[in-house]
Structure formats: structure tokens, C-alpha cells
Protein backbone atom coordinates (compact mmCIF):
# COMPACT_ATOMS: atom_id res chain seq x y z
CA MET A 1 80.90 87.31 92.33
CA ASN A 2 81.46 86.97 96.06
CA PRO A 3 84.91 88.47 96.77
CA LEU A 4 85.67 85.53 99.04
CA TYR A 5 85.88 83.29 95.99
CA ARG A 6 86.79 85.67 93.16
CA ASN A 7 90.54 84.96 93.30
CA ASP A 8 90.75 81.68 95.21
CA LYS A 9 89.37 78.18 95.26
CA ALA A 10 87.23 77.38 98.27
CA GLY A 11 89.30 75.96 101.09
CA GLU A 12 92.59 75.87 99.17
CA PHE A 13 95.61 77.91 100.17
CA PRO A 14 97.14 80.00 97.35
CA ASP A 15 100.20 78.80 95.47
CA SER A 16 102.52 80.73 97.74
CA TRP A 17 105.96 79.92 99.05
CA TYR A 18 104.39 80.04 102.50
CA ALA A 19 101.83 77.34 101.66
CA ALA A 20 104.57 75.24 100.06
CA THR A 21 106.57 75.28 103.30
CA VAL A 22 103.97 74.32 105.92
CA ASN A 23 102.37 71.11 107.09
CA ALA A 24 98.75 72.20 107.03
CA PRO A 25 96.37 70.26 109.29
CA PRO A 26 93.39 68.38 107.81
CA LEU A 27 90.36 70.40 106.85
CA ARG A 28 88.23 71.18 109.90
CA PRO A 29 84.49 70.50 109.88
CA GLU A 30 81.85 72.89 108.56
CA LEU A 31 79.29 74.32 110.97
CA ARG A 32 76.04 72.44 110.63
CA GLY A 33 72.95 73.07 112.68
CA ALA A 34 72.66 75.15 115.84
CA ALA A 35 75.50 75.96 118.22
CA GLN A 36 75.95 78.19 121.24
CA ALA A 37 78.96 79.98 122.71
CA ASP A 38 79.91 82.88 124.92
CA VAL A 39 81.83 84.36 121.98
CA CYS A 40 81.49 83.84 118.24
CA VAL A 41 84.48 85.02 116.19
CA ILE A 42 84.14 85.66 112.45
CA GLY A 43 87.46 85.10 110.69
CA ALA A 44 90.35 82.75 111.52
CA GLY A 45 93.32 85.02 110.87
CA PHE A 46 95.67 86.77 113.30
CA THR A 47 92.89 88.93 114.77
CA GLY A 48 90.24 86.28 115.17
CA LEU A 49 92.52 83.47 116.34
CA THR A 50 94.24 85.65 118.93
CA ALA A 51 90.86 86.92 120.16
CA ALA A 52 89.62 83.34 120.40
CA LEU A 53 92.73 82.12 122.23
CA ARG A 54 92.69 84.98 124.75
CA ALA A 55 88.94 84.67 125.38
CA ALA A 56 89.24 80.92 125.95
CA GLN A 57 92.11 81.52 128.37
CA LYS A 58 89.68 83.73 130.31
CA GLY A 59 87.29 80.81 130.67
CA LEU A 60 84.85 81.75 127.88
CA SER A 61 83.47 79.26 125.37
CA VAL A 62 84.45 80.29 121.84
CA ILE A 63 83.44 79.32 118.31
CA VAL A 64 85.43 80.58 115.31
CA LEU A 65 83.88 80.61 111.82
CA ASP A 66 85.90 80.96 108.63
CA ALA A 67 84.69 80.87 105.03
CA HIS A 68 87.84 79.02 103.97
CA ARG A 69 90.55 77.81 106.35
CA ALA A 70 92.44 79.13 109.34
CA GLY A 71 95.26 81.33 108.03
CA PHE A 72 93.78 81.36 104.51
CA GLY A 73 93.47 85.13 104.10
CA ALA A 74 95.91 88.00 104.50
CA SER A 75 97.31 86.50 107.71
CA GLY A 76 98.83 83.61 105.77
CA ARG A 77 99.93 85.56 102.69
CA ASN A 78 101.52 88.84 103.80
CA GLY A 79 105.09 90.09 103.78
CA GLY A 80 105.68 88.90 107.34
CA GLN A 81 107.04 92.23 108.59
CA VAL A 82 106.51 92.93 112.28
CA GLY A 83 106.73 96.71 112.37
CA SER A 84 106.98 99.17 115.23
CA GLY A 85 104.17 101.57 115.99
CA TYR A 86 101.49 102.41 113.47
CA ASN A 87 101.15 103.48 109.85
CA GLN A 88 101.42 107.09 111.01
CA SER A 89 104.27 108.53 113.04
CA GLN A 90 104.02 108.95 116.80
CA SER A 91 104.55 112.70 116.43
CA TRP A 92 101.53 112.80 114.08
CA LEU A 93 99.45 110.88 116.64
CA ALA A 94 100.58 113.23 119.41
CA GLN A 95 99.51 116.24 117.36
CA LYS A 96 96.13 114.67 116.62
CA LEU A 97 95.33 113.09 119.98
CA GLY A 98 97.66 114.65 122.56
CA ASP A 99 100.82 113.38 124.21
CA GLY A 100 99.08 111.14 126.76
CA PRO A 101 96.91 109.16 124.32
CA ALA A 102 99.82 108.90 121.86
CA ARG A 103 102.02 107.45 124.61
CA ALA A 104 99.29 104.96 125.56
CA LEU A 105 99.00 103.87 121.93
CA TRP A 106 102.78 103.49 121.63
CA ASP A 107 102.87 101.30 124.72
CA LEU A 108 100.12 99.11 123.24
CA SER A 109 102.06 98.73 119.98
CA GLU A 110 105.19 97.69 121.87
CA GLU A 111 103.18 95.11 123.79
CA ALA A 112 101.83 93.87 120.45
CA LYS A 113 105.34 93.02 119.25
CA SER A 114 106.18 91.37 122.56
CA ASP A 115 103.02 89.26 122.43
CA LEU A 116 103.81 88.10 118.91
CA ARG A 117 107.30 87.02 119.90
CA ALA A 118 105.87 85.07 122.84
CA LEU A 119 103.10 83.39 120.82
CA ALA A 120 105.06 82.56 117.67
CA PRO A 121 106.09 78.90 117.42
CA PRO A 122 109.78 78.20 116.71
CA ASP A 123 109.10 77.17 113.10
CA ALA A 124 107.66 80.65 112.40
CA ARG A 125 111.28 81.86 112.72
CA TYR A 126 110.78 85.32 114.17
CA THR A 127 113.93 87.27 113.25
CA PRO A 128 114.74 90.84 114.38
CA GLY A 129 115.44 93.66 111.96
CA VAL A 130 113.44 95.83 109.57
CA ALA A 131 115.05 98.53 107.43
CA HIS A 132 113.25 101.43 105.78
CA GLY A 133 114.85 102.67 102.59
CA ALA A 134 114.43 106.28 101.47
CA TYR A 135 114.60 107.41 97.84
CA SER A 136 115.78 110.94 98.63
CA ALA A 137 117.86 112.77 101.19
CA ALA A 138 114.73 114.62 102.34
CA GLU A 139 112.89 111.35 102.97
CA ALA A 140 115.91 109.97 104.83
CA ALA A 141 116.02 113.09 107.02
CA ALA A 142 112.33 112.63 107.86
CA GLU A 143 112.99 109.00 108.86
CA HIS A 144 115.88 110.13 111.07
CA ALA A 145 113.70 112.81 112.70
CA ASP A 146 111.03 110.23 113.52
CA ALA A 147 113.66 107.94 115.05
CA ASP A 148 115.00 110.81 117.14
CA TYR A 149 111.47 111.61 118.34
CA LEU A 150 110.94 108.01 119.48
CA SER A 151 114.26 108.04 121.31
CA ARG A 152 113.67 111.38 123.06
CA THR A 153 109.98 110.87 123.85
CA TYR A 154 109.69 107.16 124.63
CA GLY A 155 113.28 106.02 125.18
CA TYR A 156 113.05 103.72 122.16
CA ASP A 157 116.69 103.03 121.28
CA GLN A 158 116.34 100.20 118.73
CA ILE A 159 116.62 102.37 115.60
CA THR A 160 119.91 103.22 113.92
CA PRO A 161 119.81 106.03 111.31
CA GLN A 162 121.39 105.06 107.99
CA ASP A 163 123.11 107.35 105.52
CA LYS A 164 123.49 106.49 101.85
CA SER A 165 126.62 104.44 102.37
CA SER A 166 125.40 102.46 105.36
CA ILE A 167 121.97 101.62 103.93
CA GLN A 168 123.53 100.47 100.68
CA SER A 169 125.96 98.25 102.55
CA ILE A 170 122.91 96.37 103.90
CA VAL A 171 120.39 96.75 101.06
CA GLN A 172 122.37 96.60 97.87
CA THR A 173 120.34 98.81 95.60
CA PRO A 174 121.71 102.06 94.15
CA LEU A 175 118.34 103.79 94.63
CA TYR A 176 118.28 104.38 98.39
CA HIS A 177 119.76 107.61 99.77
CA GLY A 178 119.46 106.65 103.43
CA GLY A 179 116.93 105.32 105.88
CA ILE A 180 116.78 103.54 109.22
CA LEU A 181 117.32 100.07 110.67
CA ASP A 182 114.91 99.09 113.45
CA MET A 183 116.15 96.07 115.42
CA GLY A 184 113.07 96.22 117.66
CA ALA A 185 110.99 95.22 114.64
CA GLY A 186 111.34 91.93 112.78
CA HIS A 187 109.94 89.41 110.33
CA ILE A 188 108.20 86.05 110.51
CA HIS A 189 106.73 83.21 108.42
CA PRO A 190 103.13 84.40 108.67
CA LEU A 191 101.31 81.20 107.73
CA ARG A 192 103.25 79.11 110.24
CA TYR A 193 102.41 81.75 112.83
CA ALA A 194 98.69 81.65 111.94
CA LEU A 195 98.58 77.86 112.05
CA GLY A 196 100.36 77.94 115.39
CA LEU A 197 97.73 80.34 116.74
CA ALA A 198 94.96 78.01 115.52
CA ALA A 199 96.56 75.03 117.22
CA ALA A 200 97.01 76.98 120.48
CA ALA A 201 93.39 78.15 120.35
CA GLU A 202 92.11 74.61 119.87
CA GLU A 203 94.27 73.39 122.73
CA ALA A 204 92.62 76.08 124.89
CA GLY A 205 89.18 74.73 123.98
CA VAL A 206 88.21 76.84 120.98
CA GLN A 207 86.04 75.18 118.31
CA ILE A 208 87.09 76.24 114.79
CA TYR A 209 84.71 75.62 111.90
CA GLU A 210 86.09 75.98 108.38
CA MET A 211 84.21 76.31 105.08
CA SER A 212 81.58 78.20 107.10
CA GLU A 213 80.93 81.57 105.45
CA VAL A 214 78.93 84.00 107.58
CA HIS A 215 76.00 85.50 105.68
CA HIS A 216 74.24 87.50 108.38
CA ILE A 217 74.56 88.77 111.93
CA ALA A 218 71.25 89.22 113.74
CA LYS A 219 71.89 91.79 116.47
CA GLY A 220 70.44 91.11 119.89
CA ASP A 221 71.29 89.63 123.26
CA PRO A 222 72.27 86.99 122.41
CA ALA A 223 73.27 87.73 118.81
CA THR A 224 72.83 85.13 116.09
CA VAL A 225 75.53 84.51 113.49
CA ARG A 226 74.22 82.64 110.44
CA THR A 227 76.13 80.55 107.92
CA GLY A 228 74.82 78.57 104.97
CA ARG A 229 74.16 75.43 107.02
CA GLY A 230 74.06 76.54 110.61
CA HIS A 231 73.96 79.33 113.13
CA VAL A 232 75.65 80.31 116.38
CA SER A 233 73.87 81.97 119.29
CA ALA A 234 76.46 84.03 121.17
CA ASN A 235 76.59 86.55 124.00
CA HIS A 236 79.34 88.39 122.13
CA VAL A 237 80.43 88.58 118.50
CA ILE A 238 83.90 89.56 117.29
CA ILE A 239 84.16 90.53 113.62
CA ALA A 240 87.68 89.80 112.33
CA GLY A 241 87.33 89.34 108.57
CA ASN A 242 89.29 92.46 107.58
CA GLY A 243 89.56 92.70 103.78
CA TYR A 244 87.81 89.35 103.38
CA LEU A 245 84.63 90.46 105.13
CA PRO A 246 81.92 90.27 102.42
CA GLY A 247 79.87 93.34 103.33
CA ILE A 248 77.93 91.84 106.23
CA GLU A 249 78.35 94.87 108.52
CA ARG A 250 77.89 98.37 107.05
CA LYS A 251 79.69 100.15 109.91
CA VAL A 252 82.86 98.23 109.04
CA ALA A 253 82.41 98.72 105.28
CA ALA A 254 82.10 102.49 105.78
CA LYS A 255 85.61 102.69 107.25
CA VAL A 256 87.47 99.75 105.72
CA MET A 257 88.15 99.11 102.05
CA PRO A 258 89.63 95.90 100.64
CA ILE A 259 92.62 96.23 98.33
CA ASN A 260 94.96 93.64 96.85
CA SER A 261 98.72 93.33 97.22
CA PHE A 262 101.07 90.87 95.53
CA ILE A 263 104.25 88.93 96.32
CA GLY A 264 106.66 86.82 94.32
CA ALA A 265 109.19 84.30 95.60
CA THR A 266 112.24 83.95 93.39
CA GLU A 267 114.07 80.77 92.64
CA PRO A 268 116.69 80.01 95.32
CA LEU A 269 119.49 82.55 94.95
CA GLY A 270 122.24 80.64 96.74
CA GLU A 271 125.32 82.80 97.17
CA ARG A 272 123.67 85.52 95.03
CA ALA A 273 121.43 86.36 97.99
CA ALA A 274 124.31 88.31 99.54
CA SER A 275 124.30 90.61 96.52
CA VAL A 276 120.79 91.76 97.53
CA LEU A 277 120.77 91.80 101.34
CA SER A 278 123.88 91.47 103.45
CA ARG A 279 121.86 90.76 106.61
CA ASP A 280 118.79 88.65 107.42
CA ILE A 281 116.41 91.58 107.75
CA ALA A 282 113.19 92.71 106.12
CA VAL A 283 112.96 95.94 104.13
CA ALA A 284 110.22 98.38 103.20
CA ASP A 285 110.76 101.61 101.31
CA SER A 286 109.34 105.09 101.02
CA LYS A 287 107.24 104.57 97.89
CA PHE A 288 103.58 105.32 98.56
CA VAL A 289 102.82 101.99 96.91
CA VAL A 290 105.51 100.40 99.02
CA ASN A 291 108.03 97.76 97.98
CA TYR A 292 108.62 95.23 100.76
CA TYR A 293 110.95 92.27 100.73
CA ARG A 294 113.20 89.87 102.64
CA LEU A 295 115.09 86.63 102.13
CA SER A 296 113.49 83.29 102.91
CA GLU A 297 115.13 80.53 104.90
CA ASP A 298 116.17 78.88 101.60
CA ASN A 299 117.60 82.14 100.19
CA ARG A 300 114.76 83.16 97.92
CA LEU A 301 113.87 86.83 97.68
CA LEU A 302 110.27 87.29 98.82
CA PHE A 303 109.41 90.51 96.99
CA GLY A 304 106.10 92.33 97.44
CA GLY A 305 104.69 95.42 95.82
CA ARG A 306 102.03 96.83 93.52
CA GLU A 307 98.36 97.08 94.46
CA SER A 308 94.98 96.77 92.79
CA TYR A 309 91.64 98.16 93.90
CA GLY A 310 88.98 96.08 92.20
CA ILE A 311 87.73 92.77 93.52
CA GLY A 312 89.65 90.66 91.02
CA PHE A 313 93.40 90.22 90.71
CA PRO A 314 95.09 91.38 87.47
CA SER A 315 95.40 88.66 84.85
CA ASP A 316 99.19 89.11 84.87
CA ILE A 317 100.64 89.70 88.32
CA GLU A 318 104.18 88.60 87.60
CA THR A 319 105.35 91.01 84.88
CA ALA A 320 104.85 94.25 86.78
CA LEU A 321 106.04 92.75 90.06
CA HIS A 322 109.21 91.44 88.42
CA ALA A 323 109.85 94.85 86.85
CA ARG A 324 109.65 96.53 90.27
CA MET A 325 112.16 94.03 91.65
CA ILE A 326 114.64 94.51 88.79
CA ASN A 327 114.34 98.28 89.07
CA LEU A 328 115.61 98.01 92.65
CA PHE A 329 118.04 95.15 92.06
CA PRO A 330 119.38 95.10 88.47
CA GLN A 331 121.73 92.30 89.56
CA LEU A 332 118.69 89.97 89.62
CA ALA A 333 117.99 90.30 85.90
CA GLY A 334 117.14 86.85 84.59
CA VAL A 335 116.08 85.51 87.98
CA ARG A 336 112.64 83.88 87.80
CA PHE A 337 109.76 83.76 90.24
CA ASP A 338 108.85 80.23 91.38
CA HIS A 339 105.74 81.43 93.20
CA VAL A 340 103.55 84.48 92.64
CA TRP A 341 100.47 85.18 94.74
CA GLY A 342 98.15 87.90 95.89
CA GLY A 343 96.01 88.62 98.89
CA THR A 344 93.41 91.08 100.08
CA LEU A 345 93.93 93.41 103.00
CA GLY A 346 91.86 96.18 104.55
CA ILE A 347 92.85 99.84 104.54
CA THR A 348 91.32 102.93 106.09
CA MET A 349 91.36 106.59 105.08
CA SER A 350 93.97 107.40 107.74
CA ARG A 351 95.90 104.09 107.30
CA LEU A 352 95.19 103.39 110.99
CA PRO A 353 93.22 100.41 112.32
CA ALA A 354 89.46 100.80 112.65
CA ILE A 355 88.69 99.48 116.13
CA GLN A 356 84.92 99.69 116.56
CA ARG A 357 82.09 98.82 118.91
CA ILE A 358 79.33 97.94 116.45
CA SER A 359 76.74 97.40 119.20
CA ASP A 360 76.80 96.59 122.90
CA ASN A 361 77.94 93.01 122.27
CA ILE A 362 79.53 93.18 118.78
CA LEU A 363 83.12 94.37 118.30
CA SER A 364 85.23 94.74 115.18
CA ALA A 365 88.88 95.31 114.30
CA ALA A 366 89.99 95.79 110.71
CA GLY A 367 91.81 98.09 108.31
CA PHE A 368 95.37 97.50 109.50
CA SER A 369 96.61 98.95 106.21
CA GLY A 370 99.65 96.74 105.76
CA HIS A 371 100.80 97.18 109.37
CA GLY A 372 98.86 94.36 110.93
CA VAL A 373 101.17 91.41 111.59
CA ALA A 374 101.54 92.44 115.22
CA LEU A 375 98.69 94.95 115.60
CA SER A 376 95.91 92.74 114.26
CA GLY A 377 96.49 89.98 116.78
CA PHE A 378 96.85 92.52 119.55
CA ALA A 379 93.52 94.06 118.57
CA GLY A 380 92.11 90.56 118.97
CA LYS A 381 93.57 90.42 122.48
CA LEU A 382 91.95 93.74 123.36
CA MET A 383 88.57 92.56 122.05
CA ALA A 384 88.90 89.43 124.21
CA GLU A 385 89.56 91.68 127.20
CA ALA A 386 86.49 93.75 126.33
CA VAL A 387 84.09 90.80 126.07
CA ALA A 388 85.44 89.59 129.42
CA GLY A 389 84.43 92.92 130.98
CA GLN A 390 87.68 94.91 130.76
CA ALA A 391 87.22 97.33 127.87
CA GLY A 392 89.62 100.08 128.93
CA ARG A 393 92.47 99.20 126.57
CA PHE A 394 90.07 98.43 123.71
CA ASP A 395 88.64 101.92 124.20
CA VAL A 396 92.15 103.44 124.04
CA MET A 397 92.87 101.78 120.70
CA SER A 398 89.45 102.76 119.38
CA THR A 399 90.56 106.42 119.62
CA LEU A 400 92.70 105.99 116.51
CA PRO A 401 91.20 108.39 113.94
CA THR A 402 89.55 106.44 111.11
CA PRO A 403 87.05 108.58 109.19
CA SER A 404 84.57 106.96 106.85
CA PHE A 405 85.35 106.86 103.14
CA PRO A 406 83.53 109.67 101.26
CA GLY A 407 80.56 108.39 99.35
CA GLY A 408 80.34 105.21 101.37
CA ALA A 409 81.15 101.71 100.22
CA ALA A 410 79.77 102.29 96.70
CA PHE A 411 82.25 105.06 95.83
CA ARG A 412 85.30 104.23 97.91
CA ALA A 413 87.00 102.08 95.23
CA PRO A 414 86.63 104.56 92.32
CA LEU A 415 87.76 107.49 94.45
CA LEU A 416 90.71 105.55 95.84
CA THR A 417 91.73 104.42 92.35
CA VAL A 418 91.94 108.06 91.24
CA ALA A 419 93.98 108.97 94.32
CA MET A 420 96.33 106.01 93.98
CA THR A 421 96.90 106.75 90.29
CA TRP A 422 98.15 110.16 91.35
CA TYR A 423 100.44 108.72 94.02
CA ALA A 424 101.75 106.10 91.60
CA MET A 425 102.65 108.89 89.19
CA ARG A 426 104.46 110.72 92.01
CA ASP A 427 106.39 107.53 92.77
CA ARG A 428 107.47 107.22 89.13
CA LEU A 429 108.47 110.86 88.90
CA GLY A 430 110.27 110.84 92.25
CA ILE A 431 108.28 113.75 93.72
């Protein structure tokens, strides 16, 4: 079955707390017949909508195609954490690429956070503060060393190292032995942000077509993007489907693999919320299969974790997710989930974004590996710059090392499942 429809009903947002707390606009029209634009964008999430908005602001005509609805995919379902940097440390990037390229990439990631704060509508409730919790003293020391490197090398002074006592005063689990608190990072209501981007893009002149799944891209100048009932002739194509891209471009599939992640929203906790988090921050921890969580505006715990690597979601998401939550917070025993949902994201071998020039006039950005709330939209901005004739910054971000999965698309899922089983065992054993 087409992965676009394996876990969801066509054109319907999942039963998430996010979807329950937005005023979604009416369904936009489907593409029918022939259309023409300077730029055709595939995917109406953070990447595609930001690319469309920025390209339109540069005077280009833009059409966006989405198989479901704007904000339907990972952009409207994720943990909402706006992290600093990348899913590898800056010292790692400096060792791999050199100090100059690493600094350029850091500057881009800082601009990504700044852009998000500027673009986010007030109802998206951007709030500063992300903590990282470490399960051992050694992991805490590594977090502190990374923070020190950012301070010494880039003058980034937003991170406060946390020892066991200080982290547990904020995140009230007995399992963390230290960590960091990054006040230059933050969290946001992702679906409200995505819908705000869509509205801003339309105001700038972008035409968004929903229920318009792309089946084929015919390369050429112009390129032709085909859906079930229409096609777009475009001077430039931007591919922004990430984990929801159904295998229409092999160069993306070679580097990017879809995986599933899951979130539950508890019943409102009321005053009990203070027994979990003493501050309105988001948290991620040092598990390889990371736990990530924060409080909602109505004092629910939005708790994410676990992963799956096939196309379909597990038949029972809730039980394992609830067990992970209670393991961290025994004080929540007996608390129910009111909403449980999953979504599909894209990961790469290196856990760094795959920023690619597919052909002279086709660009792609995907594989943000759980670090894409700010970076994905910024990649869209850089692709808009590139199609407008200024590709320098796009080329900088394309230097991120993203090797192809061994065995290609056919073997990436089985091989990753074996690897992740090993890491899951390490998580359970604490090694």
C-alpha cells in the first residue's frame, strides 16, 4: 500500500492534541488540468511552505502540491522542539569538514532559529528553553564539554550545564544524572506554525493545491510534475516531501529513509504538572531512541518516544509509549493518554540533513532526523535563494555528510532494524 495512506485517511489530520487545538482552514482545491509556474514545490510542510513563501517574496510564481493537506505530515505532528545546531556536535562537524565550514554551518543553524521566531504566529506560542537529560555522569560530562566548545568557539552563551541536583530540580525524574539547559533553543505548537506558514505563503501569492499526490517528475527545462489529475510545468522543482515522499526520486531515496515516531498527550494534569516539570521547557534525553516531552498550554504532558521502521504503525502504540513515560515519571502512574498519534520522518545515515541538487533545476531537502523544526524551513529558504540565482548558502548546507544507505532503498529498512535493535538493547542495559 502507498505509504502516504497506510496510516492515515486521505486529507484528514491525525487524532492529535495539535489537530484538536487548531482552527484548520477549509480544504483547498485539487490540481486539475495543466498549470505553469516558475517554481513547483512538492510537499506543504515546513520545508516546502517556507521555500514557497521565500520564492514568492522574490517575485517568483509558485505552486505547492500536497498529497493530503498543508501541515498534514511530520511538520504538524512532531514534538515541537526547536533545537540548536544539528544532530551531530559542532566539534564533530569541525573534525569532518574543517573549522571554517563548521562555523558557516553553525551560523546557518542560528539563523534558522531566528527565522522561525520571526515567522511563527503568536498562537504557535514559541517558548524558549530545551533541556537535555543524561542517564549517566559520563553522558552529562560529554554534554558539558559540547556546551563549553560552543561557548569557546562561537561565543554561544545560552547553555547552562546541569548537575544531578539542578537537572532534577527542573525535570523531576530520578533517572537523570545531569545534562544541560539551552535557553537559545525552544518549543512551539508545530501545526499552528505550519498553518501560519501556509497562510503567509498564500498571502504572498502562492497557490497551494491539496489532495494532489505527485506521481512523477519528468526532468527537463522546464520540468513537468504530474499528479493524478493534472500537471505543472515549472522552471524549477523543489522536493520537500521528506519521510512522506513515496519513492518518486531515487537520489533522495538512496540517502533518506522514512521511520515512524509516536507521541501521546495525557489528560490535563492540573497542579500535578509541577511534579513533572518545574519550568515551561521542552526536554530530550540521551537515549539513542530518544524520549522527548514538554507540557502543553493546558498542562498535559506531550510525551514522545519509541520508533518503528516498517511502513505501518504498530497496532498498539499506547502501551509501550505509556511504559516509557512511567519509567521516567513514576508519579504519573494511572494517568491516561487522551490522544496518541504517530508520524513519519526522514533520517539519514549520519543523522544530518540531505541537501541535494538532483539536476540543474531540481533541488531537494530531507532527512532532518528529528532535528528539523527550525532546519527544515531554513533549508526551504536556501532552496528559494538557489532557484532565484543565489546558490552559495544552499551549497554550504549541501556539504553536510550524508552517505547513501548500504544496499539502497530495498535493504535500508532491514539493516536499520537490526542496528536499532542493538541500540535499543544498549538503552535498556544502560551501556
